[in-house]
Protein backbone atom coordinates (compact mmCIF):
# COMPACT_ATOMS: atom_id res chain seq x y z
CA MET A 1 -0.24 33.62 -31.43
CA GLN A 2 -0.68 30.35 -29.88
CA GLN A 3 -4.47 30.46 -30.55
CA GLN A 4 -3.57 31.12 -34.27
CA ARG A 5 -1.21 28.01 -34.44
CA ARG A 6 -3.86 25.72 -32.63
CA ARG A 7 -6.73 26.91 -35.02
CA THR A 8 -6.35 25.48 -38.39
CA GLY A 9 -8.64 26.13 -41.26
CA PHE A 10 -11.10 23.48 -42.72
CA SER A 11 -8.95 21.23 -45.03
CA PRO A 12 -10.62 19.02 -47.87
CA LEU A 13 -8.63 16.16 -46.57
CA GLN A 14 -10.47 16.31 -43.37
CA GLY A 15 -13.80 16.15 -45.17
CA LEU A 16 -12.76 13.17 -47.17
CA GLY A 17 -11.43 11.46 -43.75
CA ALA A 18 -14.78 12.35 -42.38
CA PHE A 19 -16.67 10.80 -45.22
CA GLY A 20 -14.34 7.94 -45.06
CA VAL A 21 -15.02 7.01 -41.49
CA VAL A 22 -18.77 7.38 -41.78
CA GLY A 23 -18.64 5.18 -44.97
CA TRP A 24 -16.73 2.53 -43.33
CA SER A 25 -18.88 2.61 -40.26
CA VAL A 26 -21.80 2.01 -42.26
CA ALA A 27 -20.45 -0.58 -44.61
CA LEU A 28 -18.42 -2.89 -42.46
CA PRO A 29 -21.42 -3.97 -40.37
CA THR A 30 -23.68 -4.15 -43.34
CA VAL A 31 -21.39 -6.45 -45.34
CA GLY A 32 -20.53 -8.24 -42.17
CA GLY A 33 -24.26 -8.91 -41.58
CA ALA A 34 -24.82 -10.13 -44.94
CA LEU A 35 -21.78 -12.64 -44.89
CA LEU A 36 -22.88 -13.87 -41.45
CA GLY A 37 -26.44 -14.28 -42.89
CA MET A 38 -25.14 -16.25 -45.77
CA TRP A 39 -23.45 -18.61 -43.47
CA LEU A 40 -26.45 -18.96 -41.20
CA ASP A 41 -28.60 -19.74 -44.45
CA ARG A 42 -26.38 -22.83 -44.93
CA VAL A 43 -26.12 -23.85 -41.21
CA ALA A 44 -29.58 -22.96 -39.95
CA PRO A 45 -32.14 -22.36 -42.85
CA ARG A 46 -35.11 -20.75 -41.84
CA ALA A 47 -38.45 -19.45 -43.60
CA PHE A 48 -37.06 -15.88 -43.70
CA SER A 49 -33.68 -14.84 -45.30
CA TRP A 50 -30.74 -14.63 -42.78
CA PRO A 51 -28.69 -12.36 -45.06
CA ILE A 52 -31.26 -9.62 -45.56
CA ALA A 53 -32.23 -9.64 -41.79
CA LEU A 54 -28.63 -9.41 -40.75
CA MET A 55 -27.89 -6.98 -43.36
CA LEU A 56 -30.47 -4.64 -42.34
CA GLY A 57 -29.48 -5.21 -38.85
CA GLY A 58 -25.63 -4.23 -39.72
CA LEU A 59 -27.02 -1.27 -41.75
CA VAL A 60 -28.86 0.19 -38.50
CA ILE A 61 -26.01 -0.54 -36.15
CA GLY A 62 -23.60 1.17 -38.63
CA VAL A 63 -25.86 4.12 -38.96
CA LEU A 64 -26.18 4.57 -35.19
CA VAL A 65 -22.15 4.31 -34.89
CA ALA A 66 -21.54 6.85 -37.72
CA TRP A 67 -24.29 9.27 -36.02
CA GLU A 68 -22.42 9.01 -32.63
CA TRP A 69 -19.14 9.57 -34.23
CA VAL A 70 -20.40 12.57 -36.09
CA ALA A 71 -22.11 13.94 -33.11
CA ARG A 72 -18.94 13.44 -31.07
CA GLU A 73 -16.81 15.39 -33.81
CA GLN A 74 -19.34 18.15 -33.67
CA ARG A 75 -19.10 18.46 -29.89
CA ALA A 76 -15.31 18.54 -30.08
CA GLU A 77 -15.34 21.16 -32.99
CA GLN A 78 -17.80 23.37 -30.82
CA ASP A 79 -15.55 23.00 -27.57
CA ARG A 80 -12.60 23.93 -29.86
CA ALA A 81 -14.54 27.12 -31.22
CA ASP A 82 -15.55 27.86 -27.52
CA GLU A 83 -12.11 27.71 -26.36
CA LEU A 84 -10.86 30.00 -29.00
CA SER A 85 -13.52 32.48 -28.33
CA SER A 86 -13.19 32.74 -24.67
CA PRO A 87 -10.79 35.29 -23.28
CA ALA A 88 -7.29 34.19 -22.34
CA PRO A 89 -7.13 33.27 -18.76
CA ARG A 90 -5.25 35.72 -16.33
CA THR A 91 -2.26 34.14 -14.57
CA ARG A 92 -1.56 37.00 -12.20
CA ALA A 93 -3.65 39.16 -9.99
CA THR A 94 -2.81 42.88 -10.08
CA PRO A 95 -1.79 44.38 -6.64
CA GLY A 96 -5.30 45.83 -5.76
CA GLU A 97 -7.15 42.44 -6.40
CA ALA A 98 -7.97 40.11 -3.77
CA ALA A 99 -6.88 36.46 -4.26
CA GLY A 100 -9.27 33.70 -3.82
CA PRO A 101 -12.76 33.64 -1.92
CA ALA A 102 -11.22 34.95 1.35
CA GLY A 103 -9.78 37.87 -0.43
CA ALA A 104 -12.90 38.38 -1.93
CA GLN A 105 -14.77 38.45 1.33
CA GLN A 106 -12.01 40.94 2.89
CA SER A 107 -12.55 43.39 -0.11
CA ALA A 108 -16.41 43.31 0.34
CA MET A 109 -15.93 43.80 4.01
CA SER A 110 -13.25 46.72 3.52
CA ASP A 111 -16.27 48.43 1.48
CA THR A 112 -18.26 48.83 4.70
CA PRO A 113 -17.47 51.43 7.21
CA MET A 114 -16.09 50.23 10.56
CA PRO A 115 -18.01 51.08 13.67
CA ASP A 116 -17.09 54.08 15.80
CA ARG A 117 -15.30 52.85 18.64
CA SER A 118 -15.36 56.36 20.36
CA THR A 119 -19.02 55.64 21.57
CA PRO A 120 -19.01 52.84 24.21
CA THR A 121 -20.82 49.47 23.30
CA PRO A 122 -23.00 47.78 25.99
CA ALA A 123 -20.20 45.41 26.72
CA ASP A 124 -18.15 48.37 27.68
CA THR A 125 -20.68 49.82 30.11
CA GLN A 126 -21.41 46.72 32.08
CA GLU A 127 -19.87 47.01 35.67
CA ARG A 128 -17.45 44.57 36.47
CA PRO A 129 -16.88 43.15 40.01
CA ASP A 130 -13.82 44.29 41.61
CA ASP A 131 -11.19 41.81 42.34
């Protein structure tokens, strides 16, 4: 039930929000570069056009920022989808289960037969000096 509450369907407003973020991420650096270029054209005129150069630079930076934002959103959406598709974590171990790595070793060891102690081992057959 909690998974259903956390899982929301796609909303058109989410799409408009993403469109707005990507648009502003590209538009602001582009316009900022053009404005900075116009100022530089007055302050430090050169043979090339500052506004065009900085507008193109702002466009490249804006596209890179938008690309990174979209990639981050896709990763977050994939993580949410993976979280919803994975089985719920178990909180309690059943009585027959071993708890933790040490318990796993014990259960693995309990499957192997114990040696028969009725037959003497070499250590049992060694002669001990009398005290």
